[in-house]
């Protein structure tokens, strides 16, 4: 028996004693008997089985049972995920002729989920498995319905989706639909074609920064309606965290162990932290950023009297 650990449980490769059939057994973590995800996954799987979902590129679920009070879910065995595939290739990108059938198969799975009113809510490379590889190299199935939910019961503010695949509406605390899975599919498709994450942020701030840099500003209506932020709060927090990160980046150079590689005074003055170039794009939307400019502008005014500061903010 081999085993892999996941966020919501452990998955083991097992052999049935009766017929020697290899299956995958997922044991749900039992830290909290009231964990909503515990019964949520079972309910989702029961619905999928009733709808014959294994025909639509979705993993086949066989049965559920308990062992020492732990819920166990038995699935068809699928050995390798798309993430495993990329890791084996040392993240060498796939060709478009390989990416295309993968995207089509996952889109078919998502189309079926939409037709039965289900949101997967955690689509990522780890949760798409290769079937009969390498004989059928790019045949895939969608797995892991640990955080799946009914479209009609989608709860605003839910903490779902893995961060690099998380949609703007989830980050902002907006009402959401199955469209969040399409966002994740887009992120996943790019990862397959480039060999790297499209939005590799380690925080929601970083993800939003990447999104706005590549696709433009978020609509103000989305910012105004989000539970997690107002427009001002969003840009306020956005600006402060961005400023902190840039400050830390500069300090690392100030404290370089090698004196030859340490920043010079002119490099400090030209650094983004000093010139505010990392905040210029949200100046009109953040009172924090505007106050930063006011402080520097005050020094520029004093420069005329003392000639001690030369920073070009244009």
C-alpha atoms as a PDB file:
ATOM      1  CA  UNK A   1       0.000   0.000   0.000  1.00  0.00           C
ATOM      2  CA  UNK A   2       1.348   3.431  -0.967  1.00  0.00           C
ATOM      3  CA  UNK A   3       0.003   6.679   0.409  1.00  0.00           C
ATOM      4  CA  UNK A   4      -0.276  10.368  -0.447  1.00  0.00           C
ATOM      5  CA  UNK A   5      -1.326  13.141   1.896  1.00  0.00           C
ATOM      6  CA  UNK A   6      -3.732  15.892   0.879  1.00  0.00           C
ATOM      7  CA  UNK A   7      -5.350  18.918   2.455  1.00  0.00           C
ATOM      8  CA  UNK A   8      -8.486  17.106   3.590  1.00  0.00           C
ATOM      9  CA  UNK A   9      -7.292  13.528   3.888  1.00  0.00           C
ATOM     10  CA  UNK A  10      -4.927  10.772   2.862  1.00  0.00           C
ATOM     11  CA  UNK A  11      -5.152   8.710  -0.300  1.00  0.00           C
ATOM     12  CA  UNK A  12      -3.755   5.179  -0.350  1.00  0.00           C
ATOM     13  CA  UNK A  13      -3.219   2.730  -3.195  1.00  0.00           C
ATOM     14  CA  UNK A  14      -4.850  -0.517  -2.064  1.00  0.00           C
ATOM     15  CA  UNK A  15      -5.530  -4.002  -3.409  1.00  0.00           C
ATOM     16  CA  UNK A  16      -8.918  -5.649  -2.895  1.00  0.00           C
ATOM     17  CA  UNK A  17      -8.419  -9.079  -1.360  1.00  0.00           C
ATOM     18  CA  UNK A  18     -11.281 -10.713  -3.287  1.00  0.00           C
ATOM     19  CA  UNK A  19     -10.320  -9.929  -6.871  1.00  0.00           C
ATOM     20  CA  UNK A  20      -6.885  -8.245  -6.519  1.00  0.00           C
ATOM     21  CA  UNK A  21      -8.279  -5.096  -8.087  1.00  0.00           C
ATOM     22  CA  UNK A  22      -6.229  -1.967  -7.392  1.00  0.00           C
ATOM     23  CA  UNK A  23      -8.249   0.927  -5.980  1.00  0.00           C
ATOM     24  CA  UNK A  24      -7.621   4.274  -4.323  1.00  0.00           C
ATOM     25  CA  UNK A  25      -8.895   4.775  -0.771  1.00  0.00           C
ATOM     26  CA  UNK A  26      -9.258   8.293   0.567  1.00  0.00           C
ATOM     27  CA  UNK A  27      -9.463   8.540   4.349  1.00  0.00           C
ATOM     28  CA  UNK A  28     -11.022  11.820   5.455  1.00  0.00           C
ATOM     29  CA  UNK A  29      -9.245  13.588   8.283  1.00  0.00           C
ATOM     30  CA  UNK A  30     -11.318  13.309  11.423  1.00  0.00           C
ATOM     31  CA  UNK A  31      -9.948  16.204  13.457  1.00  0.00           C
ATOM     32  CA  UNK A  32     -13.422  17.673  13.685  1.00  0.00           C
ATOM     33  CA  UNK A  33     -16.523  15.528  13.417  1.00  0.00           C
ATOM     34  CA  UNK A  34     -18.485  18.665  12.531  1.00  0.00           C
ATOM     35  CA  UNK A  35     -16.205  19.620   9.621  1.00  0.00           C
ATOM     36  CA  UNK A  36     -18.676  20.590   6.860  1.00  0.00           C
ATOM     37  CA  UNK A  37     -16.344  19.335   4.135  1.00  0.00           C
ATOM     38  CA  UNK A  38     -16.465  15.796   5.521  1.00  0.00           C
ATOM     39  CA  UNK A  39     -20.109  15.168   4.606  1.00  0.00           C
ATOM     40  CA  UNK A  40     -20.006  17.668   1.748  1.00  0.00           C
ATOM     41  CA  UNK A  41     -17.695  15.465  -0.309  1.00  0.00           C
ATOM     42  CA  UNK A  42     -19.774  12.353   0.279  1.00  0.00           C
ATOM     43  CA  UNK A  43     -22.937  14.193  -0.747  1.00  0.00           C
ATOM     44  CA  UNK A  44     -21.239  15.449  -3.907  1.00  0.00           C
ATOM     45  CA  UNK A  45     -20.029  11.955  -4.820  1.00  0.00           C
ATOM     46  CA  UNK A  46     -23.471  10.439  -4.268  1.00  0.00           C
ATOM     47  CA  UNK A  47     -24.956  13.032  -6.593  1.00  0.00           C
ATOM     48  CA  UNK A  48     -22.263  12.448  -9.212  1.00  0.00           C
ATOM     49  CA  UNK A  49     -22.793   8.695  -9.118  1.00  0.00           C
ATOM     50  CA  UNK A  50     -26.551   9.103  -9.498  1.00  0.00           C
ATOM     51  CA  UNK A  51     -25.894  11.228 -12.588  1.00  0.00           C
ATOM     52  CA  UNK A  52     -23.498   8.659 -14.104  1.00  0.00           C
ATOM     53  CA  UNK A  53     -20.763  11.295 -14.032  1.00  0.00           C
ATOM     54  CA  UNK A  54     -17.888   8.879 -14.680  1.00  0.00           C
ATOM     55  CA  UNK A  55     -18.870   9.111 -18.356  1.00  0.00           C
ATOM     56  CA  UNK A  56     -17.844  12.769 -18.336  1.00  0.00           C
ATOM     57  CA  UNK A  57     -14.133  12.601 -17.493  1.00  0.00           C
ATOM     58  CA  UNK A  58     -14.828  12.453 -13.760  1.00  0.00           C
ATOM     59  CA  UNK A  59     -13.254   9.875 -11.467  1.00  0.00           C
ATOM     60  CA  UNK A  60     -15.415   6.844 -10.728  1.00  0.00           C
ATOM     61  CA  UNK A  61     -16.417   6.490  -7.088  1.00  0.00           C
ATOM     62  CA  UNK A  62     -17.308   3.008  -5.853  1.00  0.00           C
ATOM     63  CA  UNK A  63     -18.388   3.161  -2.224  1.00  0.00           C
ATOM     64  CA  UNK A  64     -17.961   4.697   1.224  1.00  0.00           C
ATOM     65  CA  UNK A  65     -17.219   2.920   4.500  1.00  0.00           C
ATOM     66  CA  UNK A  66     -15.806   3.707   7.919  1.00  0.00           C
ATOM     67  CA  UNK A  67     -12.680   2.447   9.661  1.00  0.00           C
ATOM     68  CA  UNK A  68     -12.243   3.276  13.349  1.00  0.00           C
ATOM     69  CA  UNK A  69     -14.676   6.139  12.923  1.00  0.00           C
ATOM     70  CA  UNK A  70     -12.882   7.569   9.882  1.00  0.00           C
ATOM     71  CA  UNK A  71     -14.841   8.029   6.664  1.00  0.00           C
ATOM     72  CA  UNK A  72     -13.184   6.192   3.754  1.00  0.00           C
ATOM     73  CA  UNK A  73     -14.019   6.720   0.084  1.00  0.00           C
ATOM     74  CA  UNK A  74     -13.119   4.126  -2.540  1.00  0.00           C
ATOM     75  CA  UNK A  75     -12.308   5.245  -6.101  1.00  0.00           C
ATOM     76  CA  UNK A  76     -10.895   3.831  -9.290  1.00  0.00           C
ATOM     77  CA  UNK A  77      -7.115   3.997  -9.096  1.00  0.00           C
ATOM     78  CA  UNK A  78      -5.437   6.743 -11.129  1.00  0.00           C
ATOM     79  CA  UNK A  79      -1.717   6.940 -10.535  1.00  0.00           C
ATOM     80  CA  UNK A  80      -0.396  10.197 -11.962  1.00  0.00           C
ATOM     81  CA  UNK A  81      -1.649  13.801 -11.909  1.00  0.00           C
ATOM     82  CA  UNK A  82      -0.847  16.547 -14.378  1.00  0.00           C
ATOM     83  CA  UNK A  83       1.371  18.080 -11.707  1.00  0.00           C
ATOM     84  CA  UNK A  84       3.265  14.782 -11.440  1.00  0.00           C
ATOM     85  CA  UNK A  85       3.647  14.813 -15.220  1.00  0.00           C
ATOM     86  CA  UNK A  86       5.126  18.317 -15.238  1.00  0.00           C
ATOM     87  CA  UNK A  87       7.469  17.456 -12.377  1.00  0.00           C
ATOM     88  CA  UNK A  88       8.702  14.373 -14.239  1.00  0.00           C
ATOM     89  CA  UNK A  89       9.437  16.626 -17.225  1.00  0.00           C
ATOM     90  CA  UNK A  90      11.248  19.128 -14.974  1.00  0.00           C
ATOM     91  CA  UNK A  91       8.447  21.565 -15.841  1.00  0.00           C
ATOM     92  CA  UNK A  92       9.151  21.426 -19.551  1.00  0.00           C
ATOM     93  CA  UNK A  93       5.970  22.858 -21.147  1.00  0.00           C
ATOM     94  CA  UNK A  94       3.540  20.683 -23.064  1.00  0.00           C
ATOM     95  CA  UNK A  95       2.834  21.407 -26.707  1.00  0.00           C
ATOM     96  CA  UNK A  96      -0.495  22.928 -27.683  1.00  0.00           C
ATOM     97  CA  UNK A  97      -1.461  19.665 -29.384  1.00  0.00           C
ATOM     98  CA  UNK A  98      -1.161  18.035 -25.957  1.00  0.00           C
ATOM     99  CA  UNK A  99      -2.775  20.877 -24.010  1.00  0.00           C
ATOM    100  CA  UNK A 100      -5.820  20.985 -26.300  1.00  0.00           C
ATOM    101  CA  UNK A 101      -7.286  17.526 -25.528  1.00  0.00           C
ATOM    102  CA  UNK A 102      -6.701  18.060 -21.817  1.00  0.00           C
ATOM    103  CA  UNK A 103      -8.587  21.362 -21.855  1.00  0.00           C
ATOM    104  CA  UNK A 104     -11.410  19.814 -23.885  1.00  0.00           C
ATOM    105  CA  UNK A 105     -11.830  16.889 -21.479  1.00  0.00           C
ATOM    106  CA  UNK A 106     -11.878  19.107 -18.398  1.00  0.00           C
ATOM    107  CA  UNK A 107     -14.316  21.469 -20.107  1.00  0.00           C
ATOM    108  CA  UNK A 108     -16.596  18.485 -20.747  1.00  0.00           C
ATOM    109  CA  UNK A 109     -16.389  17.567 -17.068  1.00  0.00           C
ATOM    110  CA  UNK A 110     -17.168  21.143 -16.031  1.00  0.00           C
ATOM    111  CA  UNK A 111     -20.053  21.288 -18.501  1.00  0.00           C
ATOM    112  CA  UNK A 112     -21.532  18.204 -16.872  1.00  0.00           C
ATOM    113  CA  UNK A 113     -21.025  19.640 -13.380  1.00  0.00           C
ATOM    114  CA  UNK A 114     -22.775  22.829 -14.443  1.00  0.00           C
ATOM    115  CA  UNK A 115     -25.691  20.843 -15.851  1.00  0.00           C
ATOM    116  CA  UNK A 116     -26.239  19.190 -12.462  1.00  0.00           C
ATOM    117  CA  UNK A 117     -25.670  22.370 -10.465  1.00  0.00           C
ATOM    118  CA  UNK A 118     -22.290  21.514  -8.944  1.00  0.00           C
ATOM    119  CA  UNK A 119     -19.157  23.626  -8.496  1.00  0.00           C
ATOM    120  CA  UNK A 120     -15.869  21.733  -8.119  1.00  0.00           C
ATOM    121  CA  UNK A 121     -14.144  24.695  -6.394  1.00  0.00           C
ATOM    122  CA  UNK A 122     -10.618  23.239  -6.385  1.00  0.00           C
ATOM    123  CA  UNK A 123      -9.592  22.670  -9.989  1.00  0.00           C
ATOM    124  CA  UNK A 124      -5.794  22.507 -10.284  1.00  0.00           C
ATOM    125  CA  UNK A 125      -3.056  20.378 -11.826  1.00  0.00           C
ATOM    126  CA  UNK A 126      -2.997  18.110  -8.757  1.00  0.00           C
ATOM    127  CA  UNK A 127      -6.681  17.272  -9.210  1.00  0.00           C
ATOM    128  CA  UNK A 128      -6.575  16.196 -12.839  1.00  0.00           C
ATOM    129  CA  UNK A 129      -5.329  12.639 -13.261  1.00  0.00           C
ATOM    130  CA  UNK A 130      -3.957  10.846 -16.291  1.00  0.00           C
ATOM    131  CA  UNK A 131      -5.843   7.697 -17.313  1.00  0.00           C
ATOM    132  CA  UNK A 132      -4.049   4.641 -18.689  1.00  0.00           C
ATOM    133  CA  UNK A 133      -0.810   6.547 -19.159  1.00  0.00           C
ATOM    134  CA  UNK A 134       1.293   6.190 -21.325  1.00  0.00           C
ATOM    135  CA  UNK A 135      -0.950   4.079 -23.582  1.00  0.00           C
ATOM    136  CA  UNK A 136      -3.430   6.983 -23.713  1.00  0.00           C
ATOM    137  CA  UNK A 137      -1.009   9.834 -22.925  1.00  0.00           C
ATOM    138  CA  UNK A 138      -3.441  12.724 -22.550  1.00  0.00           C
ATOM    139  CA  UNK A 139      -6.667  11.121 -21.436  1.00  0.00           C
ATOM    140  CA  UNK A 140      -7.609  12.682 -18.103  1.00  0.00           C
ATOM    141  CA  UNK A 141     -10.194  12.639 -15.312  1.00  0.00           C
ATOM    142  CA  UNK A 142     -11.169  15.189 -12.698  1.00  0.00           C
ATOM    143  CA  UNK A 143     -10.813  14.121  -9.054  1.00  0.00           C
ATOM    144  CA  UNK A 144     -11.213  15.445  -5.488  1.00  0.00           C
ATOM    145  CA  UNK A 145     -14.632  16.842  -4.660  1.00  0.00           C
ATOM    146  CA  UNK A 146     -13.602  17.684  -1.107  1.00  0.00           C
ATOM    147  CA  UNK A 147     -14.835  21.278  -1.312  1.00  0.00           C
ATOM    148  CA  UNK A 148     -17.417  20.870  -4.082  1.00  0.00           C
ATOM    149  CA  UNK A 149     -20.721  22.608  -3.481  1.00  0.00           C
ATOM    150  CA  UNK A 150     -24.163  23.030  -4.955  1.00  0.00           C
ATOM    151  CA  UNK A 151     -24.404  26.081  -7.194  1.00  0.00           C
ATOM    152  CA  UNK A 152     -27.639  27.040  -5.443  1.00  0.00           C
ATOM    153  CA  UNK A 153     -25.944  26.811  -2.035  1.00  0.00           C
ATOM    154  CA  UNK A 154     -22.730  28.664  -2.892  1.00  0.00           C
ATOM    155  CA  UNK A 155     -21.832  30.610   0.238  1.00  0.00           C
ATOM    156  CA  UNK A 156     -20.308  34.072  -0.145  1.00  0.00           C
ATOM    157  CA  UNK A 157     -17.010  34.318   1.699  1.00  0.00           C
ATOM    158  CA  UNK A 158     -16.181  30.616   1.350  1.00  0.00           C
ATOM    159  CA  UNK A 159     -12.471  29.841   1.592  1.00  0.00           C
ATOM    160  CA  UNK A 160     -12.134  27.673  -1.495  1.00  0.00           C
ATOM    161  CA  UNK A 161      -9.823  27.205  -4.482  1.00  0.00           C
ATOM    162  CA  UNK A 162      -6.056  26.811  -4.165  1.00  0.00           C
ATOM    163  CA  UNK A 163      -4.446  30.253  -4.196  1.00  0.00           C
ATOM    164  CA  UNK A 164      -2.722  30.303  -7.640  1.00  0.00           C
ATOM    165  CA  UNK A 165      -6.016  29.167  -9.191  1.00  0.00           C
ATOM    166  CA  UNK A 166      -8.284  31.375  -7.069  1.00  0.00           C
ATOM    167  CA  UNK A 167     -10.680  33.624  -8.971  1.00  0.00           C
ATOM    168  CA  UNK A 168     -11.092  37.359  -8.259  1.00  0.00           C
ATOM    169  CA  UNK A 169     -14.645  36.895  -7.000  1.00  0.00           C
ATOM    170  CA  UNK A 170     -13.463  34.452  -4.327  1.00  0.00           C
ATOM    171  CA  UNK A 171     -10.599  36.723  -3.261  1.00  0.00           C
ATOM    172  CA  UNK A 172     -12.954  39.693  -2.946  1.00  0.00           C
ATOM    173  CA  UNK A 173     -15.734  37.785  -1.182  1.00  0.00           C
ATOM    174  CA  UNK A 174     -18.290  38.147  -3.976  1.00  0.00           C
ATOM    175  CA  UNK A 175     -21.176  35.841  -4.884  1.00  0.00           C
ATOM    176  CA  UNK A 176     -19.853  33.110  -7.154  1.00  0.00           C
ATOM    177  CA  UNK A 177     -20.973  30.475  -9.629  1.00  0.00           C
ATOM    178  CA  UNK A 178     -19.402  27.628 -11.564  1.00  0.00           C
ATOM    179  CA  UNK A 179     -17.478  30.349 -13.431  1.00  0.00           C
ATOM    180  CA  UNK A 180     -14.801  30.059 -10.738  1.00  0.00           C
ATOM    181  CA  UNK A 181     -13.931  26.635 -12.179  1.00  0.00           C
ATOM    182  CA  UNK A 182     -13.487  28.165 -15.622  1.00  0.00           C
ATOM    183  CA  UNK A 183     -11.033  30.679 -14.145  1.00  0.00           C
ATOM    184  CA  UNK A 184      -9.053  27.794 -12.648  1.00  0.00           C
ATOM    185  CA  UNK A 185      -9.112  25.976 -15.986  1.00  0.00           C
ATOM    186  CA  UNK A 186      -7.576  29.040 -17.645  1.00  0.00           C
ATOM    187  CA  UNK A 187      -4.807  29.173 -15.035  1.00  0.00           C
ATOM    188  CA  UNK A 188      -4.198  25.463 -15.433  1.00  0.00           C
ATOM    189  CA  UNK A 189      -4.047  25.630 -19.241  1.00  0.00           C
ATOM    190  CA  UNK A 190      -1.383  28.338 -19.079  1.00  0.00           C
ATOM    191  CA  UNK A 191       0.631  26.292 -16.570  1.00  0.00           C
ATOM    192  CA  UNK A 192       0.637  23.316 -18.917  1.00  0.00           C
ATOM    193  CA  UNK A 193       1.746  25.426 -21.877  1.00  0.00           C
ATOM    194  CA  UNK A 194       4.400  27.466 -20.041  1.00  0.00           C
ATOM    195  CA  UNK A 195       5.537  25.051 -17.352  1.00  0.00           C
ATOM    196  CA  UNK A 196       4.935  27.624 -14.615  1.00  0.00           C
ATOM    197  CA  UNK A 197       2.063  29.139 -12.654  1.00  0.00           C
ATOM    198  CA  UNK A 198       0.232  32.028 -14.291  1.00  0.00           C
ATOM    199  CA  UNK A 199      -0.365  33.746 -10.945  1.00  0.00           C
ATOM    200  CA  UNK A 200       2.315  32.401  -8.563  1.00  0.00           C
ATOM    201  CA  UNK A 201       1.310  34.552  -5.616  1.00  0.00           C
ATOM    202  CA  UNK A 202       1.854  33.351  -2.082  1.00  0.00           C
ATOM    203  CA  UNK A 203      -0.837  35.753  -0.848  1.00  0.00           C
ATOM    204  CA  UNK A 204      -4.128  37.074  -2.179  1.00  0.00           C
ATOM    205  CA  UNK A 205      -2.481  40.482  -2.501  1.00  0.00           C
ATOM    206  CA  UNK A 206       0.204  39.048  -4.770  1.00  0.00           C
ATOM    207  CA  UNK A 207      -2.371  37.211  -6.883  1.00  0.00           C
ATOM    208  CA  UNK A 208      -4.461  40.356  -7.374  1.00  0.00           C
ATOM    209  CA  UNK A 209      -1.308  42.265  -8.274  1.00  0.00           C
ATOM    210  CA  UNK A 210      -0.495  39.735 -11.002  1.00  0.00           C
ATOM    211  CA  UNK A 211      -4.090  39.760 -12.240  1.00  0.00           C
ATOM    212  CA  UNK A 212      -4.280  43.552 -12.518  1.00  0.00           C
ATOM    213  CA  UNK A 213      -0.862  43.715 -14.163  1.00  0.00           C
ATOM    214  CA  UNK A 214      -1.839  41.218 -16.860  1.00  0.00           C
ATOM    215  CA  UNK A 215      -5.538  41.939 -17.324  1.00  0.00           C
ATOM    216  CA  UNK A 216      -6.127  45.481 -16.128  1.00  0.00           C
ATOM    217  CA  UNK A 217      -7.970  46.942 -13.174  1.00  0.00           C
ATOM    218  CA  UNK A 218     -10.779  45.053 -11.504  1.00  0.00           C
ATOM    219  CA  UNK A 219     -14.205  46.575 -12.219  1.00  0.00           C
ATOM    220  CA  UNK A 220     -15.173  49.023  -9.477  1.00  0.00           C
ATOM    221  CA  UNK A 221     -18.541  47.276  -9.141  1.00  0.00           C
ATOM    222  CA  UNK A 222     -16.743  44.090  -8.083  1.00  0.00           C
ATOM    223  CA  UNK A 223     -14.723  45.997  -5.503  1.00  0.00           C
ATOM    224  CA  UNK A 224     -17.774  47.812  -4.143  1.00  0.00           C
ATOM    225  CA  UNK A 225     -19.841  44.631  -3.790  1.00  0.00           C
ATOM    226  CA  UNK A 226     -17.190  42.386  -2.281  1.00  0.00           C
ATOM    227  CA  UNK A 227     -17.670  41.264   1.325  1.00  0.00           C
ATOM    228  CA  UNK A 228     -13.950  41.257   1.981  1.00  0.00           C
ATOM    229  CA  UNK A 229     -13.268  44.785   0.832  1.00  0.00           C
ATOM    230  CA  UNK A 230     -14.562  48.135  -0.291  1.00  0.00           C
ATOM    231  CA  UNK A 231     -12.816  49.947  -3.131  1.00  0.00           C
ATOM    232  CA  UNK A 232     -10.852  52.122  -0.697  1.00  0.00           C
ATOM    233  CA  UNK A 233     -10.080  49.245   1.646  1.00  0.00           C
ATOM    234  CA  UNK A 234      -8.889  47.095  -1.244  1.00  0.00           C
ATOM    235  CA  UNK A 235      -6.456  49.681  -2.546  1.00  0.00           C
ATOM    236  CA  UNK A 236      -5.476  50.708   0.975  1.00  0.00           C
ATOM    237  CA  UNK A 237      -4.472  47.176   1.932  1.00  0.00           C
ATOM    238  CA  UNK A 238      -3.060  46.582  -1.533  1.00  0.00           C
ATOM    239  CA  UNK A 239      -0.833  49.658  -1.271  1.00  0.00           C
ATOM    240  CA  UNK A 240       0.372  48.997   2.273  1.00  0.00           C
ATOM    241  CA  UNK A 241       1.361  45.395   1.614  1.00  0.00           C
ATOM    242  CA  UNK A 242       3.017  46.321  -1.667  1.00  0.00           C
ATOM    243  CA  UNK A 243       4.987  49.031   0.136  1.00  0.00           C
ATOM    244  CA  UNK A 244       6.080  46.642   2.883  1.00  0.00           C
ATOM    245  CA  UNK A 245       7.305  44.085   0.353  1.00  0.00           C
ATOM    246  CA  UNK A 246       9.287  46.713  -1.546  1.00  0.00           C
ATOM    247  CA  UNK A 247      10.771  48.016   1.702  1.00  0.00           C
ATOM    248  CA  UNK A 248      11.896  44.506   2.670  1.00  0.00           C
ATOM    249  CA  UNK A 249      13.389  44.010  -0.784  1.00  0.00           C
ATOM    250  CA  UNK A 250      15.438  47.206  -0.415  1.00  0.00           C
ATOM    251  CA  UNK A 251      16.574  46.380   3.125  1.00  0.00           C
ATOM    252  CA  UNK A 252      17.924  43.035   1.931  1.00  0.00           C
ATOM    253  CA  UNK A 253      20.241  44.948  -0.387  1.00  0.00           C
ATOM    254  CA  UNK A 254      21.172  47.415   2.333  1.00  0.00           C
ATOM    255  CA  UNK A 255      22.201  44.525   4.577  1.00  0.00           C
ATOM    256  CA  UNK A 256      24.106  42.490   2.005  1.00  0.00           C
ATOM    257  CA  UNK A 257      26.957  40.633   3.731  1.00  0.00           C
ATOM    258  CA  UNK A 258      29.343  41.441   0.894  1.00  0.00           C
ATOM    259  CA  UNK A 259      30.168  45.172   1.134  1.00  0.00           C
ATOM    260  CA  UNK A 260      30.943  45.225  -2.580  1.00  0.00           C
ATOM    261  CA  UNK A 261      27.373  44.175  -3.349  1.00  0.00           C
ATOM    262  CA  UNK A 262      25.729  46.461  -0.825  1.00  0.00           C
ATOM    263  CA  UNK A 263      23.602  49.294  -2.242  1.00  0.00           C
ATOM    264  CA  UNK A 264      25.184  52.664  -2.845  1.00  0.00           C
ATOM    265  CA  UNK A 265      23.445  55.869  -1.719  1.00  0.00           C
ATOM    266  CA  UNK A 266      22.444  56.626  -5.300  1.00  0.00           C
ATOM    267  CA  UNK A 267      20.976  53.148  -5.679  1.00  0.00           C
ATOM    268  CA  UNK A 268      18.900  53.754  -2.565  1.00  0.00           C
ATOM    269  CA  UNK A 269      17.596  56.982  -4.101  1.00  0.00           C
ATOM    270  CA  UNK A 270      16.825  55.216  -7.386  1.00  0.00           C
ATOM    271  CA  UNK A 271      15.166  52.222  -5.732  1.00  0.00           C
ATOM    272  CA  UNK A 272      11.412  51.773  -6.281  1.00  0.00           C
ATOM    273  CA  UNK A 273      10.788  52.191  -2.548  1.00  0.00           C
ATOM    274  CA  UNK A 274      12.296  55.682  -2.636  1.00  0.00           C
ATOM    275  CA  UNK A 275      10.721  56.716  -5.940  1.00  0.00           C
ATOM    276  CA  UNK A 276       7.295  55.184  -5.176  1.00  0.00           C
ATOM    277  CA  UNK A 277       7.224  53.680  -8.662  1.00  0.00           C
ATOM    278  CA  UNK A 278       5.645  50.499  -7.274  1.00  0.00           C
ATOM    279  CA  UNK A 279       2.650  52.504  -6.001  1.00  0.00           C
ATOM    280  CA  UNK A 280       2.120  55.025  -8.789  1.00  0.00           C
ATOM    281  CA  UNK A 281      -0.588  53.001 -10.522  1.00  0.00           C
ATOM    282  CA  UNK A 282      -2.940  53.145  -7.494  1.00  0.00           C
ATOM    283  CA  UNK A 283      -2.152  56.671  -6.369  1.00  0.00           C
ATOM    284  CA  UNK A 284      -5.616  57.975  -7.225  1.00  0.00           C
ATOM    285  CA  UNK A 285      -7.363  55.132  -5.404  1.00  0.00           C
ATOM    286  CA  UNK A 286      -5.498  54.813  -2.101  1.00  0.00           C
ATOM    287  CA  UNK A 287      -5.279  57.400   0.650  1.00  0.00           C
ATOM    288  CA  UNK A 288      -2.233  55.557   1.984  1.00  0.00           C
ATOM    289  CA  UNK A 289      -0.382  55.939  -1.304  1.00  0.00           C
ATOM    290  CA  UNK A 290      -1.424  59.572  -1.634  1.00  0.00           C
ATOM    291  CA  UNK A 291      -0.073  60.269   1.850  1.00  0.00           C
ATOM    292  CA  UNK A 292       3.234  58.655   0.836  1.00  0.00           C
ATOM    293  CA  UNK A 293       3.467  61.075  -2.072  1.00  0.00           C
ATOM    294  CA  UNK A 294       2.598  63.990   0.197  1.00  0.00           C
ATOM    295  CA  UNK A 295       5.493  63.131   2.499  1.00  0.00           C
ATOM    296  CA  UNK A 296       7.932  62.985  -0.407  1.00  0.00           C
ATOM    297  CA  UNK A 297       6.522  66.120  -1.995  1.00  0.00           C
ATOM    298  CA  UNK A 298       7.081  67.911   1.297  1.00  0.00           C
ATOM    299  CA  UNK A 299      10.734  66.921   1.116  1.00  0.00           C
ATOM    300  CA  UNK A 300      10.899  68.106  -2.480  1.00  0.00           C
ATOM    301  CA  UNK A 301       9.536  71.463  -1.351  1.00  0.00           C
ATOM    302  CA  UNK A 302      12.142  71.642   1.390  1.00  0.00           C
ATOM    303  CA  UNK A 303      14.800  70.750  -1.184  1.00  0.00           C
ATOM    304  CA  UNK A 304      14.418  74.199  -2.672  1.00  0.00           C
ATOM    305  CA  UNK A 305      15.518  75.554   0.687  1.00  0.00           C
ATOM    306  CA  UNK A 306      18.185  72.997   1.637  1.00  0.00           C
ATOM    307  CA  UNK A 307      18.994  71.237  -1.636  1.00  0.00           C
ATOM    308  CA  UNK A 308      19.368  67.924   0.174  1.00  0.00           C
ATOM    309  CA  UNK A 309      16.996  65.680  -1.732  1.00  0.00           C
ATOM    310  CA  UNK A 310      17.004  64.689  -5.380  1.00  0.00           C
ATOM    311  CA  UNK A 311      14.293  62.194  -6.249  1.00  0.00           C
ATOM    312  CA  UNK A 312      12.486  62.215  -9.563  1.00  0.00           C
ATOM    313  CA  UNK A 313       8.901  61.084  -9.024  1.00  0.00           C
ATOM    314  CA  UNK A 314       7.788  61.676 -12.575  1.00  0.00           C
END
